[in-house]
């Protein structure tokens, strides 16, 4: 129904920072106009920097909507042993990229860009598909693929639950670039009837130009070897204690 924003940047007296502010406003404006979502409020925080070093551009957007029936609520929490499906555009490479991802920047120390232009038609199709699946009460959970791409999103789900991941053959066949690509990378869903997607699920994806890749499922660590259990325990601890070093 509406959105608000908070624009956090360094000093606008620096030309590069002023360009960041301008581009961020243009981007938010294009979303508001194309998706027909009014901006009802906002906040600006500038001059966030140490000396001449500004913070990274950090525009934040909050959105609000209405779901008429509480029974149609879908949480961002996938149940143990429920199959996970990656819903994405059939021509996903057009909407995402590995070259400008967090993995490329932080792990491989390379960032080649450019960032692809947002495809609003695809985004609207994804939203409509999820709304239809939710209204049909087919979805058990839904997670947006965000920073770090598909790999980080699934790992975060497992770390949050204190479980491991049993990857499917289709997931293991994905390239590193696909696993870590960012952009309009779709969502991860699990279904209420996790044994097999029914015809309504398949027809909805076909209608909106999407495809589903079975990723596997979240599994209990008791199924793992001692060494694997130890590795996952470290991941879980790191996830839950990730902010602790900042306060010690």
C-alpha atoms as a PDB file:
ATOM      1  CA  UNK A   1       0.000   0.000   0.000  1.00  0.00           C
ATOM      2  CA  UNK A   2       2.780   2.470   0.819  1.00  0.00           C
ATOM      3  CA  UNK A   3       6.455   2.825   1.535  1.00  0.00           C
ATOM      4  CA  UNK A   4       8.827   5.048   3.452  1.00  0.00           C
ATOM      5  CA  UNK A   5      12.553   5.597   3.096  1.00  0.00           C
ATOM      6  CA  UNK A   6      15.637   6.652   5.020  1.00  0.00           C
ATOM      7  CA  UNK A   7      18.568   7.980   2.995  1.00  0.00           C
ATOM      8  CA  UNK A   8      21.888   7.501   4.805  1.00  0.00           C
ATOM      9  CA  UNK A   9      24.944   8.948   3.060  1.00  0.00           C
ATOM     10  CA  UNK A  10      28.170  10.844   3.567  1.00  0.00           C
ATOM     11  CA  UNK A  11      28.694  14.518   2.811  1.00  0.00           C
ATOM     12  CA  UNK A  12      26.706  15.779  -0.192  1.00  0.00           C
ATOM     13  CA  UNK A  13      29.489  18.306  -0.742  1.00  0.00           C
ATOM     14  CA  UNK A  14      31.536  15.480  -2.226  1.00  0.00           C
ATOM     15  CA  UNK A  15      30.520  14.999  -5.905  1.00  0.00           C
ATOM     16  CA  UNK A  16      30.657  11.186  -5.684  1.00  0.00           C
ATOM     17  CA  UNK A  17      28.350  11.159  -2.650  1.00  0.00           C
ATOM     18  CA  UNK A  18      25.948  13.621  -4.281  1.00  0.00           C
ATOM     19  CA  UNK A  19      25.798  11.258  -7.268  1.00  0.00           C
ATOM     20  CA  UNK A  20      24.977   8.361  -4.908  1.00  0.00           C
ATOM     21  CA  UNK A  21      22.126  10.366  -3.354  1.00  0.00           C
ATOM     22  CA  UNK A  22      20.771  11.377  -6.757  1.00  0.00           C
ATOM     23  CA  UNK A  23      20.880   7.821  -8.123  1.00  0.00           C
ATOM     24  CA  UNK A  24      19.225   6.405  -4.994  1.00  0.00           C
ATOM     25  CA  UNK A  25      16.371   8.903  -5.233  1.00  0.00           C
ATOM     26  CA  UNK A  26      15.927   8.162  -8.934  1.00  0.00           C
ATOM     27  CA  UNK A  27      15.826   4.430  -8.188  1.00  0.00           C
ATOM     28  CA  UNK A  28      13.252   4.722  -5.391  1.00  0.00           C
ATOM     29  CA  UNK A  29      11.192   7.085  -7.546  1.00  0.00           C
ATOM     30  CA  UNK A  30      11.133   4.609 -10.453  1.00  0.00           C
ATOM     31  CA  UNK A  31       9.929   1.817  -8.149  1.00  0.00           C
ATOM     32  CA  UNK A  32       7.204   4.014  -6.651  1.00  0.00           C
ATOM     33  CA  UNK A  33       5.876   5.135 -10.033  1.00  0.00           C
ATOM     34  CA  UNK A  34       6.129   1.824 -11.875  1.00  0.00           C
ATOM     35  CA  UNK A  35       4.746  -0.346  -9.063  1.00  0.00           C
ATOM     36  CA  UNK A  36       2.152   2.305  -8.059  1.00  0.00           C
ATOM     37  CA  UNK A  37       3.295   2.460  -4.422  1.00  0.00           C
ATOM     38  CA  UNK A  38       3.128   5.952  -2.870  1.00  0.00           C
ATOM     39  CA  UNK A  39       5.942   7.193  -0.634  1.00  0.00           C
ATOM     40  CA  UNK A  40       4.159   8.575   2.437  1.00  0.00           C
ATOM     41  CA  UNK A  41       7.120   9.614   4.584  1.00  0.00           C
ATOM     42  CA  UNK A  42      10.889   9.655   4.707  1.00  0.00           C
ATOM     43  CA  UNK A  43      14.041  10.606   6.553  1.00  0.00           C
ATOM     44  CA  UNK A  44      17.516  11.770   5.512  1.00  0.00           C
ATOM     45  CA  UNK A  45      20.793  11.335   7.388  1.00  0.00           C
ATOM     46  CA  UNK A  46      23.801  12.993   5.735  1.00  0.00           C
ATOM     47  CA  UNK A  47      27.437  13.759   6.591  1.00  0.00           C
ATOM     48  CA  UNK A  48      27.972  10.253   7.949  1.00  0.00           C
ATOM     49  CA  UNK A  49      31.718   9.906   7.511  1.00  0.00           C
ATOM     50  CA  UNK A  50      35.091   9.911   9.218  1.00  0.00           C
ATOM     51  CA  UNK A  51      37.261  12.700   7.846  1.00  0.00           C
ATOM     52  CA  UNK A  52      36.875  12.487   4.083  1.00  0.00           C
ATOM     53  CA  UNK A  53      35.787   8.828   4.117  1.00  0.00           C
ATOM     54  CA  UNK A  54      31.988   8.497   3.765  1.00  0.00           C
ATOM     55  CA  UNK A  55      29.960   5.456   4.751  1.00  0.00           C
ATOM     56  CA  UNK A  56      28.844   3.222   1.884  1.00  0.00           C
ATOM     57  CA  UNK A  57      25.591   4.537   0.375  1.00  0.00           C
ATOM     58  CA  UNK A  58      22.838   3.070   2.570  1.00  0.00           C
ATOM     59  CA  UNK A  59      19.320   3.935   1.416  1.00  0.00           C
ATOM     60  CA  UNK A  60      16.703   1.979   3.379  1.00  0.00           C
ATOM     61  CA  UNK A  61      13.122   1.315   2.287  1.00  0.00           C
ATOM     62  CA  UNK A  62      10.228   0.108   4.417  1.00  0.00           C
ATOM     63  CA  UNK A  63       6.957  -1.145   2.947  1.00  0.00           C
ATOM     64  CA  UNK A  64       3.526  -1.877   4.378  1.00  0.00           C
ATOM     65  CA  UNK A  65       0.638  -3.892   2.978  1.00  0.00           C
ATOM     66  CA  UNK A  66      -2.535  -5.642   4.074  1.00  0.00           C
ATOM     67  CA  UNK A  67      -3.340  -9.357   4.065  1.00  0.00           C
ATOM     68  CA  UNK A  68      -7.078  -9.730   4.543  1.00  0.00           C
ATOM     69  CA  UNK A  69      -7.024 -13.151   6.204  1.00  0.00           C
ATOM     70  CA  UNK A  70      -4.622 -14.175   8.951  1.00  0.00           C
ATOM     71  CA  UNK A  71      -4.812 -17.749   7.618  1.00  0.00           C
ATOM     72  CA  UNK A  72      -3.002 -16.560   4.478  1.00  0.00           C
ATOM     73  CA  UNK A  73       0.096 -15.383   6.366  1.00  0.00           C
ATOM     74  CA  UNK A  74       3.322 -16.980   5.103  1.00  0.00           C
ATOM     75  CA  UNK A  75       6.375 -16.895   7.375  1.00  0.00           C
ATOM     76  CA  UNK A  76      10.064 -16.768   6.521  1.00  0.00           C
ATOM     77  CA  UNK A  77      10.707 -20.067   8.310  1.00  0.00           C
ATOM     78  CA  UNK A  78      11.063 -23.363   6.470  1.00  0.00           C
ATOM     79  CA  UNK A  79      10.155 -26.511   8.356  1.00  0.00           C
ATOM     80  CA  UNK A  80      12.530 -29.429   8.878  1.00  0.00           C
ATOM     81  CA  UNK A  81      12.441 -31.982   6.019  1.00  0.00           C
ATOM     82  CA  UNK A  82      10.248 -29.754   3.820  1.00  0.00           C
ATOM     83  CA  UNK A  83      11.438 -29.567   0.228  1.00  0.00           C
ATOM     84  CA  UNK A  84      12.781 -26.182  -0.833  1.00  0.00           C
ATOM     85  CA  UNK A  85      12.078 -24.752  -4.281  1.00  0.00           C
ATOM     86  CA  UNK A  86      13.831 -21.825  -5.929  1.00  0.00           C
ATOM     87  CA  UNK A  87      11.312 -19.731  -7.873  1.00  0.00           C
ATOM     88  CA  UNK A  88      13.094 -17.590 -10.426  1.00  0.00           C
ATOM     89  CA  UNK A  89      12.759 -16.118 -13.911  1.00  0.00           C
ATOM     90  CA  UNK A  90      13.351 -18.564 -16.747  1.00  0.00           C
ATOM     91  CA  UNK A  91      15.921 -16.155 -18.181  1.00  0.00           C
ATOM     92  CA  UNK A  92      17.498 -15.489 -14.788  1.00  0.00           C
ATOM     93  CA  UNK A  93      20.894 -14.493 -16.212  1.00  0.00           C
ATOM     94  CA  UNK A  94      19.220 -11.362 -17.618  1.00  0.00           C
ATOM     95  CA  UNK A  95      18.123 -10.227 -14.158  1.00  0.00           C
ATOM     96  CA  UNK A  96      21.115 -11.173 -11.984  1.00  0.00           C
ATOM     97  CA  UNK A  97      24.880 -11.135 -12.026  1.00  0.00           C
ATOM     98  CA  UNK A  98      27.784 -12.658 -10.133  1.00  0.00           C
ATOM     99  CA  UNK A  99      30.312  -9.993 -11.110  1.00  0.00           C
ATOM    100  CA  UNK A 100      28.945  -7.343  -8.722  1.00  0.00           C
ATOM    101  CA  UNK A 101      27.858  -9.691  -5.910  1.00  0.00           C
ATOM    102  CA  UNK A 102      29.104  -9.784  -2.315  1.00  0.00           C
ATOM    103  CA  UNK A 103      30.947 -13.019  -3.101  1.00  0.00           C
ATOM    104  CA  UNK A 104      32.764 -11.455  -6.043  1.00  0.00           C
ATOM    105  CA  UNK A 105      33.662  -8.386  -3.985  1.00  0.00           C
ATOM    106  CA  UNK A 106      34.652  -9.956  -0.658  1.00  0.00           C
ATOM    107  CA  UNK A 107      35.872 -13.438  -1.561  1.00  0.00           C
ATOM    108  CA  UNK A 108      37.336 -13.078  -5.039  1.00  0.00           C
ATOM    109  CA  UNK A 109      38.304  -9.393  -4.672  1.00  0.00           C
ATOM    110  CA  UNK A 110      36.785  -8.551  -8.042  1.00  0.00           C
ATOM    111  CA  UNK A 111      33.829  -6.404  -8.984  1.00  0.00           C
ATOM    112  CA  UNK A 112      33.299  -6.008 -12.694  1.00  0.00           C
ATOM    113  CA  UNK A 113      29.622  -4.967 -12.951  1.00  0.00           C
ATOM    114  CA  UNK A 114      27.632  -3.505 -14.493  1.00  0.00           C
ATOM    115  CA  UNK A 115      24.444  -3.887 -12.465  1.00  0.00           C
ATOM    116  CA  UNK A 116      21.583  -4.895 -14.804  1.00  0.00           C
ATOM    117  CA  UNK A 117      18.533  -2.646 -15.109  1.00  0.00           C
ATOM    118  CA  UNK A 118      15.586  -3.677 -12.943  1.00  0.00           C
ATOM    119  CA  UNK A 119      12.858  -5.473 -14.899  1.00  0.00           C
ATOM    120  CA  UNK A 120       9.621  -4.266 -13.303  1.00  0.00           C
ATOM    121  CA  UNK A 121       7.447  -6.559 -15.425  1.00  0.00           C
ATOM    122  CA  UNK A 122       9.274  -9.600 -14.056  1.00  0.00           C
ATOM    123  CA  UNK A 123       9.043  -8.239 -10.502  1.00  0.00           C
ATOM    124  CA  UNK A 124       5.290  -7.725 -10.836  1.00  0.00           C
ATOM    125  CA  UNK A 125       4.904 -11.248 -12.234  1.00  0.00           C
ATOM    126  CA  UNK A 126       6.785 -12.674  -9.248  1.00  0.00           C
ATOM    127  CA  UNK A 127       4.611 -10.736  -6.788  1.00  0.00           C
ATOM    128  CA  UNK A 128       1.409 -11.851  -8.531  1.00  0.00           C
ATOM    129  CA  UNK A 129       2.528 -15.487  -8.563  1.00  0.00           C
ATOM    130  CA  UNK A 130       3.320 -15.433  -4.840  1.00  0.00           C
ATOM    131  CA  UNK A 131      -0.006 -13.742  -4.073  1.00  0.00           C
ATOM    132  CA  UNK A 132      -1.890 -16.424  -6.011  1.00  0.00           C
ATOM    133  CA  UNK A 133       0.035 -19.267  -4.366  1.00  0.00           C
ATOM    134  CA  UNK A 134      -0.552 -17.732  -0.937  1.00  0.00           C
ATOM    135  CA  UNK A 135      -4.272 -17.251  -1.567  1.00  0.00           C
ATOM    136  CA  UNK A 136      -4.522 -20.877  -2.709  1.00  0.00           C
ATOM    137  CA  UNK A 137      -2.846 -21.825   0.608  1.00  0.00           C
ATOM    138  CA  UNK A 138      -0.105 -23.744  -1.171  1.00  0.00           C
ATOM    139  CA  UNK A 139       2.849 -22.016   0.512  1.00  0.00           C
ATOM    140  CA  UNK A 140       4.273 -23.097   3.838  1.00  0.00           C
ATOM    141  CA  UNK A 141       7.156 -20.575   3.894  1.00  0.00           C
ATOM    142  CA  UNK A 142       8.826 -18.040   1.629  1.00  0.00           C
ATOM    143  CA  UNK A 143      12.271 -16.378   1.748  1.00  0.00           C
ATOM    144  CA  UNK A 144      13.589 -13.648  -0.532  1.00  0.00           C
ATOM    145  CA  UNK A 145      16.965 -14.418  -2.138  1.00  0.00           C
ATOM    146  CA  UNK A 146      19.056 -11.452  -1.059  1.00  0.00           C
ATOM    147  CA  UNK A 147      22.648 -10.506  -0.251  1.00  0.00           C
ATOM    148  CA  UNK A 148      25.008 -13.385  -0.958  1.00  0.00           C
ATOM    149  CA  UNK A 149      22.571 -14.939  -3.424  1.00  0.00           C
ATOM    150  CA  UNK A 150      20.901 -18.313  -3.146  1.00  0.00           C
ATOM    151  CA  UNK A 151      23.777 -19.954  -1.247  1.00  0.00           C
ATOM    152  CA  UNK A 152      23.814 -17.416   1.592  1.00  0.00           C
ATOM    153  CA  UNK A 153      20.020 -17.403   1.822  1.00  0.00           C
ATOM    154  CA  UNK A 154      19.811 -21.170   2.271  1.00  0.00           C
ATOM    155  CA  UNK A 155      22.762 -21.238   4.656  1.00  0.00           C
ATOM    156  CA  UNK A 156      21.111 -18.547   6.791  1.00  0.00           C
ATOM    157  CA  UNK A 157      17.905 -20.575   6.952  1.00  0.00           C
ATOM    158  CA  UNK A 158      19.830 -23.631   8.151  1.00  0.00           C
ATOM    159  CA  UNK A 159      21.929 -21.656  10.634  1.00  0.00           C
ATOM    160  CA  UNK A 160      18.835 -19.980  12.071  1.00  0.00           C
ATOM    161  CA  UNK A 161      17.145 -23.347  12.660  1.00  0.00           C
ATOM    162  CA  UNK A 162      20.260 -25.152  13.909  1.00  0.00           C
ATOM    163  CA  UNK A 163      20.045 -27.752  11.138  1.00  0.00           C
ATOM    164  CA  UNK A 164      21.960 -28.741   8.014  1.00  0.00           C
ATOM    165  CA  UNK A 165      21.108 -28.883   4.301  1.00  0.00           C
ATOM    166  CA  UNK A 166      20.592 -31.930   2.138  1.00  0.00           C
ATOM    167  CA  UNK A 167      21.136 -30.605  -1.394  1.00  0.00           C
ATOM    168  CA  UNK A 168      19.302 -32.098  -4.369  1.00  0.00           C
ATOM    169  CA  UNK A 169      21.075 -33.223  -7.543  1.00  0.00           C
ATOM    170  CA  UNK A 170      19.652 -30.175  -9.347  1.00  0.00           C
ATOM    171  CA  UNK A 171      21.123 -27.838  -6.714  1.00  0.00           C
ATOM    172  CA  UNK A 172      24.515 -29.537  -6.838  1.00  0.00           C
ATOM    173  CA  UNK A 173      24.546 -29.004 -10.605  1.00  0.00           C
ATOM    174  CA  UNK A 174      24.249 -25.223 -10.218  1.00  0.00           C
ATOM    175  CA  UNK A 175      27.406 -23.224 -10.918  1.00  0.00           C
ATOM    176  CA  UNK A 176      29.045 -20.995  -8.307  1.00  0.00           C
ATOM    177  CA  UNK A 177      27.943 -17.998 -10.368  1.00  0.00           C
ATOM    178  CA  UNK A 178      24.292 -19.109 -10.180  1.00  0.00           C
ATOM    179  CA  UNK A 179      24.506 -19.927  -6.469  1.00  0.00           C
ATOM    180  CA  UNK A 180      25.928 -16.536  -5.537  1.00  0.00           C
ATOM    181  CA  UNK A 181      24.423 -14.220  -8.162  1.00  0.00           C
ATOM    182  CA  UNK A 182      22.517 -11.185  -6.891  1.00  0.00           C
ATOM    183  CA  UNK A 183      19.842  -8.969  -8.358  1.00  0.00           C
ATOM    184  CA  UNK A 184      16.299 -10.077  -9.087  1.00  0.00           C
ATOM    185  CA  UNK A 185      17.148 -13.587  -7.902  1.00  0.00           C
ATOM    186  CA  UNK A 186      13.655 -14.729  -6.953  1.00  0.00           C
ATOM    187  CA  UNK A 187      12.523 -16.467  -3.782  1.00  0.00           C
ATOM    188  CA  UNK A 188      12.791 -19.787  -1.943  1.00  0.00           C
ATOM    189  CA  UNK A 189       9.512 -21.455  -1.023  1.00  0.00           C
ATOM    190  CA  UNK A 190       8.390 -24.632   0.692  1.00  0.00           C
ATOM    191  CA  UNK A 191       4.938 -26.074   0.084  1.00  0.00           C
ATOM    192  CA  UNK A 192       2.297 -27.270   2.507  1.00  0.00           C
ATOM    193  CA  UNK A 193       2.169 -30.544   0.597  1.00  0.00           C
ATOM    194  CA  UNK A 194       5.916 -31.015   0.351  1.00  0.00           C
ATOM    195  CA  UNK A 195       5.847 -34.432  -1.308  1.00  0.00           C
ATOM    196  CA  UNK A 196       5.176 -33.126  -4.817  1.00  0.00           C
ATOM    197  CA  UNK A 197       4.044 -29.778  -6.331  1.00  0.00           C
ATOM    198  CA  UNK A 198       0.498 -30.051  -7.633  1.00  0.00           C
ATOM    199  CA  UNK A 199      -0.915 -28.800 -10.933  1.00  0.00           C
ATOM    200  CA  UNK A 200      -1.981 -25.444  -9.486  1.00  0.00           C
ATOM    201  CA  UNK A 201       1.621 -24.689  -8.503  1.00  0.00           C
ATOM    202  CA  UNK A 202       2.980 -25.624 -11.917  1.00  0.00           C
ATOM    203  CA  UNK A 203       0.242 -23.728 -13.790  1.00  0.00           C
ATOM    204  CA  UNK A 204       0.828 -20.567 -11.729  1.00  0.00           C
ATOM    205  CA  UNK A 205       4.546 -20.544 -12.527  1.00  0.00           C
ATOM    206  CA  UNK A 206       3.871 -21.170 -16.209  1.00  0.00           C
ATOM    207  CA  UNK A 207       1.378 -18.303 -16.275  1.00  0.00           C
ATOM    208  CA  UNK A 208       3.857 -15.812 -14.830  1.00  0.00           C
ATOM    209  CA  UNK A 209       6.990 -16.900 -16.688  1.00  0.00           C
ATOM    210  CA  UNK A 210       8.726 -18.523 -13.725  1.00  0.00           C
ATOM    211  CA  UNK A 211      10.481 -21.825 -13.112  1.00  0.00           C
ATOM    212  CA  UNK A 212      11.023 -23.888  -9.967  1.00  0.00           C
ATOM    213  CA  UNK A 213      14.264 -25.698  -9.117  1.00  0.00           C
ATOM    214  CA  UNK A 214      14.123 -28.239  -6.306  1.00  0.00           C
ATOM    215  CA  UNK A 215      16.974 -27.427  -3.904  1.00  0.00           C
ATOM    216  CA  UNK A 216      16.658 -30.218  -1.327  1.00  0.00           C
ATOM    217  CA  UNK A 217      15.563 -29.880   2.289  1.00  0.00           C
ATOM    218  CA  UNK A 218      16.673 -28.818   5.747  1.00  0.00           C
ATOM    219  CA  UNK A 219      17.854 -31.892   7.665  1.00  0.00           C
ATOM    220  CA  UNK A 220      18.726 -32.663  11.279  1.00  0.00           C
ATOM    221  CA  UNK A 221      22.462 -32.699  12.011  1.00  0.00           C
ATOM    222  CA  UNK A 222      22.070 -36.105  13.669  1.00  0.00           C
ATOM    223  CA  UNK A 223      22.240 -37.580  10.178  1.00  0.00           C
ATOM    224  CA  UNK A 224      25.787 -36.252   9.717  1.00  0.00           C
ATOM    225  CA  UNK A 225      29.201 -37.550  10.616  1.00  0.00           C
ATOM    226  CA  UNK A 226      30.945 -36.248  13.735  1.00  0.00           C
ATOM    227  CA  UNK A 227      33.186 -33.897  11.712  1.00  0.00           C
ATOM    228  CA  UNK A 228      30.223 -32.547   9.737  1.00  0.00           C
ATOM    229  CA  UNK A 229      28.227 -32.002  12.914  1.00  0.00           C
ATOM    230  CA  UNK A 230      31.142 -30.080  14.384  1.00  0.00           C
ATOM    231  CA  UNK A 231      31.343 -27.847  11.292  1.00  0.00           C
ATOM    232  CA  UNK A 232      27.615 -27.093  11.392  1.00  0.00           C
ATOM    233  CA  UNK A 233      27.749 -26.363  15.109  1.00  0.00           C
ATOM    234  CA  UNK A 234      30.388 -23.729  14.387  1.00  0.00           C
ATOM    235  CA  UNK A 235      28.176 -22.224  11.668  1.00  0.00           C
ATOM    236  CA  UNK A 236      25.185 -22.086  14.017  1.00  0.00           C
ATOM    237  CA  UNK A 237      27.266 -20.472  16.779  1.00  0.00           C
ATOM    238  CA  UNK A 238      28.721 -17.898  14.379  1.00  0.00           C
ATOM    239  CA  UNK A 239      25.243 -17.031  13.092  1.00  0.00           C
ATOM    240  CA  UNK A 240      23.746 -16.454  16.520  1.00  0.00           C
ATOM    241  CA  UNK A 241      26.812 -14.680  17.938  1.00  0.00           C
ATOM    242  CA  UNK A 242      27.554 -12.539  14.859  1.00  0.00           C
ATOM    243  CA  UNK A 243      26.901  -9.246  16.705  1.00  0.00           C
ATOM    244  CA  UNK A 244      28.617 -10.191  19.964  1.00  0.00           C
ATOM    245  CA  UNK A 245      32.144  -9.007  18.937  1.00  0.00           C
ATOM    246  CA  UNK A 246      30.792  -5.483  18.378  1.00  0.00           C
ATOM    247  CA  UNK A 247      29.769  -5.213  22.051  1.00  0.00           C
ATOM    248  CA  UNK A 248      32.792  -6.804  23.739  1.00  0.00           C
END
